[in-house]
């Protein structure tokens, strides 16, 4: 009996480790790419405004994303007076996690996809709709009416954009005859 329990526990640990490594192999390059895209945007904006831009950290400013990340980690966490600290810290985390969860459905090749759901487009639509809650929580937990009104305004903007995104998803599903993202990619290859 103990050998069966040990084998089951070992299987659970191996599967968890596999999916954790798979997730990290997706998340780490994604975050590094976003950091360097932000650096590129800052350099382009600086050249448009005829100023130097980020050029101090590393060769030609290439160390700036790492310096920004280090600054974000060491920065003192301040919360508004009378704010619920747990929800105040949790609100941006909700938005961050929900933005990363959708990447699990993106097919890299026909065989390489973390989660190949048959209703992948609906899943992406549902998860992207949930990110509104992180914004509303961030405004509400500050215990002030102005941040709360600002969060309601940005949530209303996100909902209005979701209507048009839903129409685009309907067109994609009708053209591909499927809601599965792997089938959508295959339909693009066949028709193109």
C-alpha atoms as a PDB file:
ATOM      1  CA  UNK A   1       0.000   0.000   0.000  1.00  0.00           C
ATOM      2  CA  UNK A   2       2.797   2.406   0.868  1.00  0.00           C
ATOM      3  CA  UNK A   3       4.558   1.633  -2.433  1.00  0.00           C
ATOM      4  CA  UNK A   4       1.408   2.597  -4.368  1.00  0.00           C
ATOM      5  CA  UNK A   5       1.064   5.859  -2.459  1.00  0.00           C
ATOM      6  CA  UNK A   6       4.758   6.596  -2.989  1.00  0.00           C
ATOM      7  CA  UNK A   7       4.449   5.867  -6.743  1.00  0.00           C
ATOM      8  CA  UNK A   8       1.380   8.105  -7.013  1.00  0.00           C
ATOM      9  CA  UNK A   9       3.094  10.927  -5.129  1.00  0.00           C
ATOM     10  CA  UNK A  10       6.177  10.582  -7.321  1.00  0.00           C
ATOM     11  CA  UNK A  11       4.027  10.738 -10.461  1.00  0.00           C
ATOM     12  CA  UNK A  12       2.289  13.892  -9.187  1.00  0.00           C
ATOM     13  CA  UNK A  13       5.631  15.533  -8.416  1.00  0.00           C
ATOM     14  CA  UNK A  14       7.032  14.620 -11.846  1.00  0.00           C
ATOM     15  CA  UNK A  15       3.983  15.961 -13.687  1.00  0.00           C
ATOM     16  CA  UNK A  16       4.009  19.151 -11.613  1.00  0.00           C
ATOM     17  CA  UNK A  17       7.726  19.652 -12.262  1.00  0.00           C
ATOM     18  CA  UNK A  18       7.212  19.046 -16.000  1.00  0.00           C
ATOM     19  CA  UNK A  19       4.453  21.640 -16.275  1.00  0.00           C
ATOM     20  CA  UNK A  20       6.345  24.094 -14.061  1.00  0.00           C
ATOM     21  CA  UNK A  21       9.406  23.861 -16.325  1.00  0.00           C
ATOM     22  CA  UNK A  22       7.192  24.137 -19.405  1.00  0.00           C
ATOM     23  CA  UNK A  23       5.526  27.242 -17.981  1.00  0.00           C
ATOM     24  CA  UNK A  24       8.862  28.805 -17.046  1.00  0.00           C
ATOM     25  CA  UNK A  25      10.233  28.109 -20.517  1.00  0.00           C
ATOM     26  CA  UNK A  26       7.319  30.147 -21.860  1.00  0.00           C
ATOM     27  CA  UNK A  27       7.101  32.909 -19.244  1.00  0.00           C
ATOM     28  CA  UNK A  28      10.785  33.855 -18.889  1.00  0.00           C
ATOM     29  CA  UNK A  29      11.439  34.566 -22.607  1.00  0.00           C
ATOM     30  CA  UNK A  30       8.112  36.390 -22.785  1.00  0.00           C
ATOM     31  CA  UNK A  31       9.009  38.691 -19.889  1.00  0.00           C
ATOM     32  CA  UNK A  32      12.513  39.335 -21.256  1.00  0.00           C
ATOM     33  CA  UNK A  33      11.027  40.167 -24.677  1.00  0.00           C
ATOM     34  CA  UNK A  34       8.555  42.597 -23.110  1.00  0.00           C
ATOM     35  CA  UNK A  35      11.386  44.260 -21.183  1.00  0.00           C
ATOM     36  CA  UNK A  36      13.452  44.780 -24.330  1.00  0.00           C
ATOM     37  CA  UNK A  37      10.414  45.931 -26.337  1.00  0.00           C
ATOM     38  CA  UNK A  38       9.892  48.549 -23.636  1.00  0.00           C
ATOM     39  CA  UNK A  39      13.536  49.577 -24.010  1.00  0.00           C
ATOM     40  CA  UNK A  40      13.092  49.844 -27.777  1.00  0.00           C
ATOM     41  CA  UNK A  41       9.980  51.969 -27.288  1.00  0.00           C
ATOM     42  CA  UNK A  42      11.824  54.294 -24.894  1.00  0.00           C
ATOM     43  CA  UNK A  43      14.725  54.663 -27.335  1.00  0.00           C
ATOM     44  CA  UNK A  44      12.373  55.409 -30.245  1.00  0.00           C
ATOM     45  CA  UNK A  45      10.454  57.960 -28.192  1.00  0.00           C
ATOM     46  CA  UNK A  46      13.722  59.580 -27.164  1.00  0.00           C
ATOM     47  CA  UNK A  47      14.843  59.881 -30.778  1.00  0.00           C
ATOM     48  CA  UNK A  48      11.478  61.369 -31.755  1.00  0.00           C
ATOM     49  CA  UNK A  49      11.846  63.945 -28.990  1.00  0.00           C
ATOM     50  CA  UNK A  50      15.507  64.572 -29.931  1.00  0.00           C
ATOM     51  CA  UNK A  51      16.986  63.469 -26.619  1.00  0.00           C
ATOM     52  CA  UNK A  52      19.381  60.701 -25.578  1.00  0.00           C
ATOM     53  CA  UNK A  53      17.046  58.270 -23.808  1.00  0.00           C
ATOM     54  CA  UNK A  54      18.272  55.274 -21.770  1.00  0.00           C
ATOM     55  CA  UNK A  55      21.981  54.900 -22.502  1.00  0.00           C
ATOM     56  CA  UNK A  56      23.760  54.767 -19.121  1.00  0.00           C
ATOM     57  CA  UNK A  57      23.292  51.181 -17.903  1.00  0.00           C
ATOM     58  CA  UNK A  58      25.337  48.706 -19.935  1.00  0.00           C
ATOM     59  CA  UNK A  59      26.471  48.990 -23.524  1.00  0.00           C
ATOM     60  CA  UNK A  60      24.151  51.428 -25.336  1.00  0.00           C
ATOM     61  CA  UNK A  61      21.580  51.082 -22.536  1.00  0.00           C
ATOM     62  CA  UNK A  62      21.018  47.324 -22.962  1.00  0.00           C
ATOM     63  CA  UNK A  63      21.248  46.787 -19.200  1.00  0.00           C
ATOM     64  CA  UNK A  64      18.342  49.156 -18.556  1.00  0.00           C
ATOM     65  CA  UNK A  65      15.598  46.457 -18.472  1.00  0.00           C
ATOM     66  CA  UNK A  66      17.535  44.532 -15.816  1.00  0.00           C
ATOM     67  CA  UNK A  67      18.085  47.722 -13.798  1.00  0.00           C
ATOM     68  CA  UNK A  68      14.354  48.498 -14.036  1.00  0.00           C
ATOM     69  CA  UNK A  69      13.491  44.983 -12.871  1.00  0.00           C
ATOM     70  CA  UNK A  70      15.919  45.234  -9.945  1.00  0.00           C
ATOM     71  CA  UNK A  71      14.459  48.617  -9.004  1.00  0.00           C
ATOM     72  CA  UNK A  72      10.940  47.163  -9.043  1.00  0.00           C
ATOM     73  CA  UNK A  73      12.017  44.295  -6.752  1.00  0.00           C
ATOM     74  CA  UNK A  74      13.817  46.476  -4.194  1.00  0.00           C
ATOM     75  CA  UNK A  75      11.331  49.314  -4.204  1.00  0.00           C
ATOM     76  CA  UNK A  76       9.469  49.997  -0.973  1.00  0.00           C
ATOM     77  CA  UNK A  77       5.857  48.827  -1.135  1.00  0.00           C
ATOM     78  CA  UNK A  78       3.596  51.705  -0.141  1.00  0.00           C
ATOM     79  CA  UNK A  79      -0.137  51.319   0.338  1.00  0.00           C
ATOM     80  CA  UNK A  80      -2.689  54.127   0.764  1.00  0.00           C
ATOM     81  CA  UNK A  81      -3.904  54.933   4.238  1.00  0.00           C
ATOM     82  CA  UNK A  82      -6.768  52.658   5.393  1.00  0.00           C
ATOM     83  CA  UNK A  83      -6.336  50.363   2.397  1.00  0.00           C
ATOM     84  CA  UNK A  84      -6.588  46.603   2.685  1.00  0.00           C
ATOM     85  CA  UNK A  85      -2.957  45.582   2.109  1.00  0.00           C
ATOM     86  CA  UNK A  86      -3.704  42.011   1.003  1.00  0.00           C
ATOM     87  CA  UNK A  87      -6.124  43.036  -1.746  1.00  0.00           C
ATOM     88  CA  UNK A  88      -3.940  46.030  -2.666  1.00  0.00           C
ATOM     89  CA  UNK A  89      -1.005  43.702  -3.370  1.00  0.00           C
ATOM     90  CA  UNK A  90      -3.227  41.025  -4.925  1.00  0.00           C
ATOM     91  CA  UNK A  91      -4.975  43.299  -7.479  1.00  0.00           C
ATOM     92  CA  UNK A  92      -2.027  43.833  -9.878  1.00  0.00           C
ATOM     93  CA  UNK A  93      -1.081  40.192  -9.409  1.00  0.00           C
ATOM     94  CA  UNK A  94      -4.510  39.154 -10.685  1.00  0.00           C
ATOM     95  CA  UNK A  95      -4.074  41.223 -13.839  1.00  0.00           C
ATOM     96  CA  UNK A  96      -0.514  39.917 -14.336  1.00  0.00           C
ATOM     97  CA  UNK A  97      -1.430  36.244 -13.927  1.00  0.00           C
ATOM     98  CA  UNK A  98      -4.471  36.556 -16.181  1.00  0.00           C
ATOM     99  CA  UNK A  99      -2.367  38.160 -18.892  1.00  0.00           C
ATOM    100  CA  UNK A 100       0.092  35.243 -18.773  1.00  0.00           C
ATOM    101  CA  UNK A 101      -2.511  32.452 -18.609  1.00  0.00           C
ATOM    102  CA  UNK A 102      -3.685  33.038 -22.186  1.00  0.00           C
ATOM    103  CA  UNK A 103      -0.224  32.196 -23.547  1.00  0.00           C
ATOM    104  CA  UNK A 104      -0.760  28.537 -22.624  1.00  0.00           C
ATOM    105  CA  UNK A 105      -3.175  28.164 -25.563  1.00  0.00           C
ATOM    106  CA  UNK A 106      -0.976  29.700 -28.262  1.00  0.00           C
ATOM    107  CA  UNK A 107       0.302  26.899 -30.533  1.00  0.00           C
ATOM    108  CA  UNK A 108       3.997  27.180 -31.378  1.00  0.00           C
ATOM    109  CA  UNK A 109       3.961  24.189 -33.732  1.00  0.00           C
ATOM    110  CA  UNK A 110       1.334  21.518 -34.423  1.00  0.00           C
ATOM    111  CA  UNK A 111       2.631  19.374 -31.591  1.00  0.00           C
ATOM    112  CA  UNK A 112       3.889  22.059 -29.208  1.00  0.00           C
ATOM    113  CA  UNK A 113       1.045  23.650 -27.297  1.00  0.00           C
ATOM    114  CA  UNK A 114       0.676  23.619 -23.526  1.00  0.00           C
ATOM    115  CA  UNK A 115      -3.138  23.384 -23.470  1.00  0.00           C
ATOM    116  CA  UNK A 116      -4.929  22.377 -26.665  1.00  0.00           C
ATOM    117  CA  UNK A 117      -8.549  23.137 -25.777  1.00  0.00           C
ATOM    118  CA  UNK A 118     -11.347  22.563 -28.235  1.00  0.00           C
ATOM    119  CA  UNK A 119     -12.908  25.901 -27.253  1.00  0.00           C
ATOM    120  CA  UNK A 120      -9.665  27.887 -27.048  1.00  0.00           C
ATOM    121  CA  UNK A 121     -11.049  31.121 -28.510  1.00  0.00           C
ATOM    122  CA  UNK A 122     -13.844  31.225 -25.931  1.00  0.00           C
ATOM    123  CA  UNK A 123     -11.321  30.518 -23.159  1.00  0.00           C
ATOM    124  CA  UNK A 124      -9.118  33.416 -24.282  1.00  0.00           C
ATOM    125  CA  UNK A 125     -12.158  35.690 -24.455  1.00  0.00           C
ATOM    126  CA  UNK A 126     -13.283  34.673 -20.954  1.00  0.00           C
ATOM    127  CA  UNK A 127      -9.849  35.060 -19.349  1.00  0.00           C
ATOM    128  CA  UNK A 128      -9.217  38.437 -21.002  1.00  0.00           C
ATOM    129  CA  UNK A 129     -12.621  39.582 -19.714  1.00  0.00           C
ATOM    130  CA  UNK A 130     -11.618  38.665 -16.158  1.00  0.00           C
ATOM    131  CA  UNK A 131      -8.702  41.131 -16.156  1.00  0.00           C
ATOM    132  CA  UNK A 132     -11.257  43.898 -15.560  1.00  0.00           C
ATOM    133  CA  UNK A 133     -11.573  42.657 -11.978  1.00  0.00           C
ATOM    134  CA  UNK A 134      -7.917  43.366 -11.206  1.00  0.00           C
ATOM    135  CA  UNK A 135      -8.338  46.980 -12.313  1.00  0.00           C
ATOM    136  CA  UNK A 136     -11.573  47.487 -10.375  1.00  0.00           C
ATOM    137  CA  UNK A 137     -10.049  45.889  -7.256  1.00  0.00           C
ATOM    138  CA  UNK A 138      -7.028  48.191  -7.463  1.00  0.00           C
ATOM    139  CA  UNK A 139      -9.255  51.278  -7.556  1.00  0.00           C
ATOM    140  CA  UNK A 140     -11.681  50.055  -4.914  1.00  0.00           C
ATOM    141  CA  UNK A 141      -9.103  48.934  -2.352  1.00  0.00           C
ATOM    142  CA  UNK A 142      -7.396  52.346  -2.271  1.00  0.00           C
ATOM    143  CA  UNK A 143     -10.400  53.551  -0.232  1.00  0.00           C
ATOM    144  CA  UNK A 144     -10.677  56.798  -2.166  1.00  0.00           C
ATOM    145  CA  UNK A 145     -13.321  57.837  -4.654  1.00  0.00           C
ATOM    146  CA  UNK A 146     -11.002  59.233  -7.355  1.00  0.00           C
ATOM    147  CA  UNK A 147      -8.959  56.059  -7.940  1.00  0.00           C
ATOM    148  CA  UNK A 148     -12.192  54.072  -7.825  1.00  0.00           C
ATOM    149  CA  UNK A 149     -13.821  56.305 -10.468  1.00  0.00           C
ATOM    150  CA  UNK A 150     -10.673  56.018 -12.599  1.00  0.00           C
ATOM    151  CA  UNK A 151     -10.751  52.238 -12.345  1.00  0.00           C
ATOM    152  CA  UNK A 152     -14.435  52.191 -13.324  1.00  0.00           C
ATOM    153  CA  UNK A 153     -13.634  54.357 -16.340  1.00  0.00           C
ATOM    154  CA  UNK A 154     -10.811  52.085 -17.499  1.00  0.00           C
ATOM    155  CA  UNK A 155     -12.996  49.011 -16.870  1.00  0.00           C
ATOM    156  CA  UNK A 156     -15.727  50.565 -19.048  1.00  0.00           C
ATOM    157  CA  UNK A 157     -13.147  51.146 -21.789  1.00  0.00           C
ATOM    158  CA  UNK A 158     -11.980  47.535 -21.571  1.00  0.00           C
ATOM    159  CA  UNK A 159     -15.558  46.247 -21.790  1.00  0.00           C
ATOM    160  CA  UNK A 160     -16.217  48.401 -24.859  1.00  0.00           C
ATOM    161  CA  UNK A 161     -13.110  46.970 -26.545  1.00  0.00           C
ATOM    162  CA  UNK A 162     -14.209  43.427 -25.677  1.00  0.00           C
ATOM    163  CA  UNK A 163     -17.327  43.825 -27.816  1.00  0.00           C
ATOM    164  CA  UNK A 164     -15.254  44.415 -30.949  1.00  0.00           C
ATOM    165  CA  UNK A 165     -12.794  41.672 -29.978  1.00  0.00           C
ATOM    166  CA  UNK A 166     -15.746  39.280 -29.616  1.00  0.00           C
ATOM    167  CA  UNK A 167     -16.874  40.139 -33.157  1.00  0.00           C
ATOM    168  CA  UNK A 168     -13.355  39.476 -34.448  1.00  0.00           C
ATOM    169  CA  UNK A 169     -13.333  36.096 -32.656  1.00  0.00           C
ATOM    170  CA  UNK A 170     -16.683  35.258 -34.307  1.00  0.00           C
ATOM    171  CA  UNK A 171     -15.236  36.017 -37.749  1.00  0.00           C
ATOM    172  CA  UNK A 172     -12.144  33.898 -37.055  1.00  0.00           C
ATOM    173  CA  UNK A 173     -14.277  31.001 -35.792  1.00  0.00           C
ATOM    174  CA  UNK A 174     -16.546  31.185 -38.844  1.00  0.00           C
ATOM    175  CA  UNK A 175     -13.624  31.238 -41.280  1.00  0.00           C
ATOM    176  CA  UNK A 176     -11.758  28.391 -39.550  1.00  0.00           C
ATOM    177  CA  UNK A 177     -14.900  26.341 -38.736  1.00  0.00           C
ATOM    178  CA  UNK A 178     -13.472  25.745 -35.255  1.00  0.00           C
ATOM    179  CA  UNK A 179     -12.774  27.402 -31.915  1.00  0.00           C
ATOM    180  CA  UNK A 180      -9.556  25.427 -31.410  1.00  0.00           C
ATOM    181  CA  UNK A 181      -6.474  27.603 -31.958  1.00  0.00           C
ATOM    182  CA  UNK A 182      -4.488  24.793 -33.566  1.00  0.00           C
ATOM    183  CA  UNK A 183      -7.295  24.331 -36.086  1.00  0.00           C
ATOM    184  CA  UNK A 184      -7.350  28.104 -36.683  1.00  0.00           C
ATOM    185  CA  UNK A 185      -3.612  28.081 -37.485  1.00  0.00           C
ATOM    186  CA  UNK A 186      -4.065  25.054 -39.763  1.00  0.00           C
ATOM    187  CA  UNK A 187      -6.967  26.780 -41.552  1.00  0.00           C
ATOM    188  CA  UNK A 188      -4.758  29.817 -42.182  1.00  0.00           C
ATOM    189  CA  UNK A 189      -2.065  27.593 -43.682  1.00  0.00           C
ATOM    190  CA  UNK A 190      -4.529  25.749 -45.917  1.00  0.00           C
ATOM    191  CA  UNK A 191      -6.283  28.899 -47.175  1.00  0.00           C
ATOM    192  CA  UNK A 192      -3.067  30.957 -47.567  1.00  0.00           C
END
